[in-house]
Protein backbone atom coordinates (compact mmCIF):
# COMPACT_ATOMS: atom_id res chain seq x y z
CA MET A 1 109.71 96.12 146.36
CA GLY A 2 112.33 97.90 147.76
CA VAL A 3 115.55 95.38 148.62
CA THR A 4 114.05 94.83 151.72
CA GLY A 5 110.91 93.90 149.96
CA ILE A 6 108.73 96.96 152.64
CA ARG A 7 107.74 99.26 149.99
CA GLY A 8 107.60 103.04 150.46
CA ARG A 9 107.07 106.69 148.76
CA LYS A 10 107.81 106.50 145.28
CA SER A 11 111.59 107.90 144.31
CA LYS A 12 111.97 110.60 141.48
CA VAL A 13 113.27 108.42 139.61
CA GLU A 14 110.09 105.62 139.77
CA GLN A 15 108.07 108.98 139.04
CA PHE A 16 109.33 108.93 135.98
CA LEU A 17 109.51 106.28 135.19
CA GLU A 18 106.20 105.74 134.78
CA ALA A 19 105.11 109.49 133.57
CA GLN A 20 107.93 109.41 130.74
CA VAL A 21 107.90 105.25 129.31
CA LYS A 22 105.38 103.15 131.15
CA ARG A 23 103.11 105.33 128.79
CA PHE A 24 104.32 103.27 125.54
CA GLY A 25 104.22 99.37 127.25
CA ILE A 26 107.87 99.82 127.82
CA ARG A 27 107.88 97.14 130.11
CA ILE A 28 110.35 98.54 133.59
CA ARG A 29 111.89 96.50 135.91
CA GLY A 30 114.16 96.86 138.43
CA PRO A 31 114.70 98.15 140.93
CA TYR A 32 117.83 95.55 141.90
CA GLY A 33 120.36 94.79 144.76
CA ASN A 34 123.99 94.25 143.38
CA VAL A 35 124.64 95.36 139.16
CA GLU A 36 125.27 91.82 138.12
CA SER A 37 121.72 91.68 138.50
CA LEU A 38 120.93 94.25 136.18
CA TYR A 39 123.80 93.22 133.92
CA ASP A 40 122.07 89.84 134.18
CA ASP A 41 118.80 91.35 132.41
CA ILE A 42 120.86 93.70 129.89
CA LEU A 43 122.02 90.43 128.39
CA LYS A 44 119.25 88.40 128.86
CA ASP A 45 116.41 91.37 127.36
CA LEU A 46 119.41 92.16 124.44
CA ALA A 47 120.45 88.35 123.51
CA TYR A 48 115.69 88.22 123.36
CA GLU A 49 116.00 91.29 120.64
CA MET A 50 118.19 89.80 118.48
CA SER A 51 116.40 86.63 117.95
CA GLU A 52 113.36 88.70 116.98
CA LEU A 53 115.72 91.08 115.04
CA ALA A 54 117.46 87.73 113.59
CA ARG A 55 113.41 85.96 113.24
CA GLU A 56 112.16 88.81 111.50
CA ALA A 57 115.34 88.99 108.84
CA VAL A 58 114.43 85.43 107.80
CA SER A 59 111.25 86.61 107.43
CA VAL A 60 111.74 89.20 104.73
CA ARG A 61 114.34 88.32 103.14
CA ARG A 62 111.97 84.92 102.41
CA ILE A 63 109.65 87.74 101.05
CA ILE A 64 112.38 89.12 98.92
CA HIS A 65 113.52 84.92 97.37
CA ARG A 66 110.31 83.86 96.76
CA ARG A 67 109.34 86.80 94.41
CA LEU A 68 112.31 86.46 92.87
CA ILE A 69 111.53 83.10 92.39
CA PRO A 70 110.05 82.83 88.04
């Protein structure tokens, strides 16, 4: 939905994202009414991805550690 809540034709950017990005399962957000809300979502997404990477690293370290113990 647009900022006003009325939906018109899709922009070329929306068409591109749906054709080239969405098919890979990547979530598309927006449109954004202001830059601050975009920044907020970017920071939230980065925090989520960082926590997932940390969980994965801990899991791998546990597996390695278990194999090193005689």
